[in-house]
Amino acid sequence: MVVDLKHIFVKDNSSLPLKYALDLSHIDYMGEYPLKKPVEIAGEITNKASLVRLEAEITFEFDASCDRCGTRTAKRHTLKISKSLATSIEGEESDTIITVPDMKLNLDELIYTETVTNLPMKHLCDENCKGICSKCGKNLNEGECGCSKKEIDPRLSALADLLK
């Protein structure tokens, strides 16, 4: 969706509320498609003293397997974005300024960029997830597996035989 901002840039103390959802279920992230529900943006574009600002929240549900135990889990994430909008800028590019030379903001591109760059690098079902047993593969969140905790370094096994 492209938002025409001409009336915002021209008129001081004007505002434009934003409420929009974008389907990003086609995004492949680490071999999964974790954005099953539409990504939502809610906020406002304002012009105060000829400074055009975008203040919004992007909300998405990240549905993927836990990185420790493999259990499928969905968690809701909210990103707050605050950007200045300008028709042109001189000098270096900035992460806080979005250029809109034709006074039209591509909301789909903004949501896509902000969401993809803020997807979680590590997804856990719970902060205290115990993972799985490296020997038998049992999910340790469901209880102990019964495997021996005592491990002998195979390089030192000959010394262990001497202790018998």
C-alpha atoms as a PDB file:
ATOM      1  CA  MET A   1       0.000   0.000   0.000  1.00  0.00           C
ATOM      2  CA  VAL A   2       1.329   3.410  -0.974  1.00  0.00           C
ATOM      3  CA  VAL A   3       0.287   6.344   1.226  1.00  0.00           C
ATOM      4  CA  ASP A   4       0.055   9.778  -0.400  1.00  0.00           C
ATOM      5  CA  LEU A   5       1.543  12.335   2.006  1.00  0.00           C
ATOM      6  CA  LYS A   6       1.198  15.553  -0.018  1.00  0.00           C
ATOM      7  CA  HIS A   7      -1.465  17.002   2.278  1.00  0.00           C
ATOM      8  CA  ILE A   8       0.692  16.173   5.340  1.00  0.00           C
ATOM      9  CA  PHE A   9       3.838  17.821   3.925  1.00  0.00           C
ATOM     10  CA  VAL A  10       1.941  20.935   2.837  1.00  0.00           C
ATOM     11  CA  LYS A  11      -0.120  21.620   5.964  1.00  0.00           C
ATOM     12  CA  ASP A  12       1.428  22.179   9.421  1.00  0.00           C
ATOM     13  CA  ASN A  13      -0.242  20.478  12.426  1.00  0.00           C
ATOM     14  CA  SER A  14      -1.829  17.865  10.206  1.00  0.00           C
ATOM     15  CA  SER A  15      -1.894  14.145  10.911  1.00  0.00           C
ATOM     16  CA  LEU A  16      -2.765  10.864   9.259  1.00  0.00           C
ATOM     17  CA  PRO A  17      -3.636   7.806  11.361  1.00  0.00           C
ATOM     18  CA  LEU A  18      -2.270   4.454  10.174  1.00  0.00           C
ATOM     19  CA  LYS A  19      -3.814   1.038  10.674  1.00  0.00           C
ATOM     20  CA  TYR A  20      -2.826  -1.629   8.193  1.00  0.00           C
ATOM     21  CA  ALA A  21      -2.009  -5.339   7.967  1.00  0.00           C
ATOM     22  CA  LEU A  22       0.362  -7.041   5.540  1.00  0.00           C
ATOM     23  CA  ASP A  23       0.623 -10.764   4.783  1.00  0.00           C
ATOM     24  CA  LEU A  24       4.270 -11.864   5.008  1.00  0.00           C
ATOM     25  CA  SER A  25       3.587 -15.605   5.265  1.00  0.00           C
ATOM     26  CA  HIS A  26       5.740 -16.205   2.166  1.00  0.00           C
ATOM     27  CA  ILE A  27       8.951 -15.196   3.959  1.00  0.00           C
ATOM     28  CA  ASP A  28      11.355 -18.113   4.389  1.00  0.00           C
ATOM     29  CA  TYR A  29      13.396 -17.637   7.573  1.00  0.00           C
ATOM     30  CA  MET A  30      15.916 -20.349   8.452  1.00  0.00           C
ATOM     31  CA  GLY A  31      13.937 -22.975   6.552  1.00  0.00           C
ATOM     32  CA  GLU A  32      10.552 -22.104   8.093  1.00  0.00           C
ATOM     33  CA  TYR A  33       7.679 -19.734   7.353  1.00  0.00           C
ATOM     34  CA  PRO A  34       7.182 -18.190  10.818  1.00  0.00           C
ATOM     35  CA  LEU A  35       4.855 -15.279   9.956  1.00  0.00           C
ATOM     36  CA  LYS A  36       1.602 -17.174   9.549  1.00  0.00           C
ATOM     37  CA  LYS A  37      -0.625 -14.270  10.641  1.00  0.00           C
ATOM     38  CA  PRO A  38      -0.577 -10.817   8.991  1.00  0.00           C
ATOM     39  CA  VAL A  39       1.888  -8.255  10.342  1.00  0.00           C
ATOM     40  CA  GLU A  40       0.052  -5.204  11.687  1.00  0.00           C
ATOM     41  CA  ILE A  41       1.080  -1.568  11.870  1.00  0.00           C
ATOM     42  CA  ALA A  42      -0.725   1.081  13.907  1.00  0.00           C
ATOM     43  CA  GLY A  43       0.402   4.635  14.381  1.00  0.00           C
ATOM     44  CA  GLU A  44       0.327   8.128  13.000  1.00  0.00           C
ATOM     45  CA  ILE A  45       2.141  10.400  10.565  1.00  0.00           C
ATOM     46  CA  THR A  46       2.225  14.001  11.763  1.00  0.00           C
ATOM     47  CA  ASN A  47       3.532  17.358  10.585  1.00  0.00           C
ATOM     48  CA  LYS A  48       4.541  19.646  13.430  1.00  0.00           C
ATOM     49  CA  ALA A  49       6.479  22.789  12.562  1.00  0.00           C
ATOM     50  CA  SER A  50       7.264  21.364   9.102  1.00  0.00           C
ATOM     51  CA  LEU A  51       8.813  18.227  10.624  1.00  0.00           C
ATOM     52  CA  VAL A  52       7.002  15.164   9.292  1.00  0.00           C
ATOM     53  CA  ARG A  53       7.259  12.182  11.666  1.00  0.00           C
ATOM     54  CA  LEU A  54       6.073   8.588  11.611  1.00  0.00           C
ATOM     55  CA  GLU A  55       5.412   7.069  15.033  1.00  0.00           C
ATOM     56  CA  ALA A  56       4.058   3.524  14.938  1.00  0.00           C
ATOM     57  CA  GLU A  57       4.102   0.015  16.354  1.00  0.00           C
ATOM     58  CA  ILE A  58       4.552  -3.068  14.208  1.00  0.00           C
ATOM     59  CA  THR A  59       3.147  -6.239  15.741  1.00  0.00           C
ATOM     60  CA  PHE A  60       3.759  -9.765  14.486  1.00  0.00           C
ATOM     61  CA  GLU A  61       3.436 -13.328  15.718  1.00  0.00           C
ATOM     62  CA  PHE A  62       6.552 -15.454  15.265  1.00  0.00           C
ATOM     63  CA  ASP A  63       5.526 -19.123  14.999  1.00  0.00           C
ATOM     64  CA  ALA A  64       8.495 -21.512  14.803  1.00  0.00           C
ATOM     65  CA  SER A  65      10.224 -24.426  16.484  1.00  0.00           C
ATOM     66  CA  CYS A  66      12.095 -23.787  19.740  1.00  0.00           C
ATOM     67  CA  ASP A  67      15.849 -23.625  19.108  1.00  0.00           C
ATOM     68  CA  ARG A  68      16.584 -25.859  22.126  1.00  0.00           C
ATOM     69  CA  CYS A  69      13.837 -28.505  22.279  1.00  0.00           C
ATOM     70  CA  GLY A  70      12.068 -28.295  18.916  1.00  0.00           C
ATOM     71  CA  THR A  71       8.602 -27.621  20.364  1.00  0.00           C
ATOM     72  CA  ARG A  72       6.454 -25.467  18.071  1.00  0.00           C
ATOM     73  CA  THR A  73       5.761 -22.124  19.781  1.00  0.00           C
ATOM     74  CA  ALA A  74       4.183 -18.821  18.761  1.00  0.00           C
ATOM     75  CA  LYS A  75       5.237 -15.562  20.404  1.00  0.00           C
ATOM     76  CA  ARG A  76       3.971 -12.050  19.770  1.00  0.00           C
ATOM     77  CA  HIS A  77       6.534  -9.303  19.156  1.00  0.00           C
ATOM     78  CA  THR A  78       6.037  -5.527  19.032  1.00  0.00           C
ATOM     79  CA  LEU A  79       8.445  -3.062  17.431  1.00  0.00           C
ATOM     80  CA  LYS A  80       8.225   0.660  18.036  1.00  0.00           C
ATOM     81  CA  ILE A  81       9.376   2.708  15.096  1.00  0.00           C
ATOM     82  CA  SER A  82      10.032   6.417  15.009  1.00  0.00           C
ATOM     83  CA  LYS A  83      11.134   7.924  11.706  1.00  0.00           C
ATOM     84  CA  SER A  84      11.384  11.344  10.160  1.00  0.00           C
ATOM     85  CA  LEU A  85      10.091  11.696   6.607  1.00  0.00           C
ATOM     86  CA  ALA A  86      11.785  14.018   4.127  1.00  0.00           C
ATOM     87  CA  THR A  87      11.500  14.668   0.411  1.00  0.00           C
ATOM     88  CA  SER A  88      15.300  14.775   0.157  1.00  0.00           C
ATOM     89  CA  ILE A  89      18.339  14.709   2.416  1.00  0.00           C
ATOM     90  CA  GLU A  90      21.828  16.014   1.912  1.00  0.00           C
ATOM     91  CA  GLY A  91      24.864  14.086   3.021  1.00  0.00           C
ATOM     92  CA  GLU A  92      24.866  10.597   4.459  1.00  0.00           C
ATOM     93  CA  GLU A  93      21.851   8.305   4.632  1.00  0.00           C
ATOM     94  CA  SER A  94      20.297   7.775   8.044  1.00  0.00           C
ATOM     95  CA  ASP A  95      18.351   4.938   9.645  1.00  0.00           C
ATOM     96  CA  THR A  96      15.993   7.433  11.262  1.00  0.00           C
ATOM     97  CA  ILE A  97      15.096   9.339   8.087  1.00  0.00           C
ATOM     98  CA  ILE A  98      13.002   7.921   5.261  1.00  0.00           C
ATOM     99  CA  THR A  99      13.192   9.778   1.971  1.00  0.00           C
ATOM    100  CA  VAL A 100       9.927  10.129   0.079  1.00  0.00           C
ATOM    101  CA  PRO A 101      10.890  12.197  -2.989  1.00  0.00           C
ATOM    102  CA  ASP A 102       7.428  11.993  -4.541  1.00  0.00           C
ATOM    103  CA  MET A 103       5.702  12.430  -1.130  1.00  0.00           C
ATOM    104  CA  LYS A 104       4.447   8.845  -1.264  1.00  0.00           C
ATOM    105  CA  LEU A 105       5.366   6.288   1.400  1.00  0.00           C
ATOM    106  CA  ASN A 106       5.456   2.608   0.437  1.00  0.00           C
ATOM    107  CA  LEU A 107       4.030   1.110   3.632  1.00  0.00           C
ATOM    108  CA  ASP A 108       4.520  -2.497   2.427  1.00  0.00           C
ATOM    109  CA  GLU A 109       8.248  -1.914   1.955  1.00  0.00           C
ATOM    110  CA  LEU A 110       8.571  -0.239   5.367  1.00  0.00           C
ATOM    111  CA  ILE A 111       6.752  -3.064   7.181  1.00  0.00           C
ATOM    112  CA  TYR A 112       8.735  -5.724   5.320  1.00  0.00           C
ATOM    113  CA  THR A 113      12.106  -4.119   6.068  1.00  0.00           C
ATOM    114  CA  GLU A 114      11.409  -3.391   9.737  1.00  0.00           C
ATOM    115  CA  THR A 115       9.929  -6.841  10.374  1.00  0.00           C
ATOM    116  CA  VAL A 116      12.607  -8.889   8.597  1.00  0.00           C
ATOM    117  CA  THR A 117      15.483  -6.983  10.215  1.00  0.00           C
ATOM    118  CA  ASN A 118      13.919  -7.508  13.665  1.00  0.00           C
ATOM    119  CA  LEU A 119      13.022 -11.203  13.488  1.00  0.00           C
ATOM    120  CA  PRO A 120      14.383 -13.022  16.548  1.00  0.00           C
ATOM    121  CA  MET A 121      17.750 -14.707  16.088  1.00  0.00           C
ATOM    122  CA  LYS A 122      16.980 -17.176  18.884  1.00  0.00           C
ATOM    123  CA  HIS A 123      13.432 -18.457  19.427  1.00  0.00           C
ATOM    124  CA  LEU A 124      12.732 -20.292  22.693  1.00  0.00           C
ATOM    125  CA  CYS A 125       9.508 -21.861  23.952  1.00  0.00           C
ATOM    126  CA  ASP A 126      10.463 -20.603  27.425  1.00  0.00           C
ATOM    127  CA  GLU A 127      13.464 -18.701  28.805  1.00  0.00           C
ATOM    128  CA  ASN A 128      14.177 -21.702  31.068  1.00  0.00           C
ATOM    129  CA  CYS A 129      13.919 -24.307  28.297  1.00  0.00           C
ATOM    130  CA  LYS A 130      16.119 -27.312  29.152  1.00  0.00           C
ATOM    131  CA  GLY A 131      16.401 -28.563  25.577  1.00  0.00           C
ATOM    132  CA  ILE A 132      16.800 -32.223  24.647  1.00  0.00           C
ATOM    133  CA  CYS A 133      19.112 -34.950  25.931  1.00  0.00           C
ATOM    134  CA  SER A 134      22.163 -35.269  23.710  1.00  0.00           C
ATOM    135  CA  LYS A 135      22.205 -39.062  24.189  1.00  0.00           C
ATOM    136  CA  CYS A 136      18.586 -40.210  23.856  1.00  0.00           C
ATOM    137  CA  GLY A 137      16.823 -37.115  22.425  1.00  0.00           C
ATOM    138  CA  LYS A 138      14.132 -36.844  25.126  1.00  0.00           C
ATOM    139  CA  ASN A 139      12.651 -33.389  25.737  1.00  0.00           C
ATOM    140  CA  LEU A 140      14.060 -32.484  29.176  1.00  0.00           C
ATOM    141  CA  ASN A 141      11.188 -30.039  29.818  1.00  0.00           C
ATOM    142  CA  GLU A 142       8.943 -33.112  30.199  1.00  0.00           C
ATOM    143  CA  GLY A 143      11.163 -34.701  32.862  1.00  0.00           C
ATOM    144  CA  GLU A 144      14.502 -36.406  33.309  1.00  0.00           C
ATOM    145  CA  CYS A 145      15.510 -39.007  30.753  1.00  0.00           C
ATOM    146  CA  GLY A 146      17.454 -41.447  32.944  1.00  0.00           C
ATOM    147  CA  CYS A 147      20.684 -41.261  30.969  1.00  0.00           C
ATOM    148  CA  SER A 148      23.932 -41.311  32.948  1.00  0.00           C
ATOM    149  CA  LYS A 149      25.182 -37.813  33.637  1.00  0.00           C
ATOM    150  CA  LYS A 150      28.723 -39.085  34.202  1.00  0.00           C
ATOM    151  CA  GLU A 151      30.680 -38.807  30.993  1.00  0.00           C
ATOM    152  CA  ILE A 152      34.202 -40.001  30.539  1.00  0.00           C
ATOM    153  CA  ASP A 153      36.382 -38.437  27.915  1.00  0.00           C
ATOM    154  CA  PRO A 154      37.119 -41.282  25.469  1.00  0.00           C
ATOM    155  CA  ARG A 155      40.771 -40.245  25.427  1.00  0.00           C
ATOM    156  CA  LEU A 156      40.966 -40.919  29.165  1.00  0.00           C
ATOM    157  CA  SER A 157      38.988 -44.181  29.230  1.00  0.00           C
ATOM    158  CA  ALA A 158      42.169 -46.246  29.630  1.00  0.00           C
ATOM    159  CA  LEU A 159      42.880 -44.402  32.899  1.00  0.00           C
ATOM    160  CA  ALA A 160      39.356 -45.168  34.112  1.00  0.00           C
ATOM    161  CA  ASP A 161      40.080 -48.877  33.569  1.00  0.00           C
ATOM    162  CA  LEU A 162      43.100 -48.587  35.912  1.00  0.00           C
ATOM    163  CA  LEU A 163      40.829 -47.311  38.704  1.00  0.00           C
ATOM    164  CA  LYS A 164      38.705 -50.480  38.573  1.00  0.00           C
END
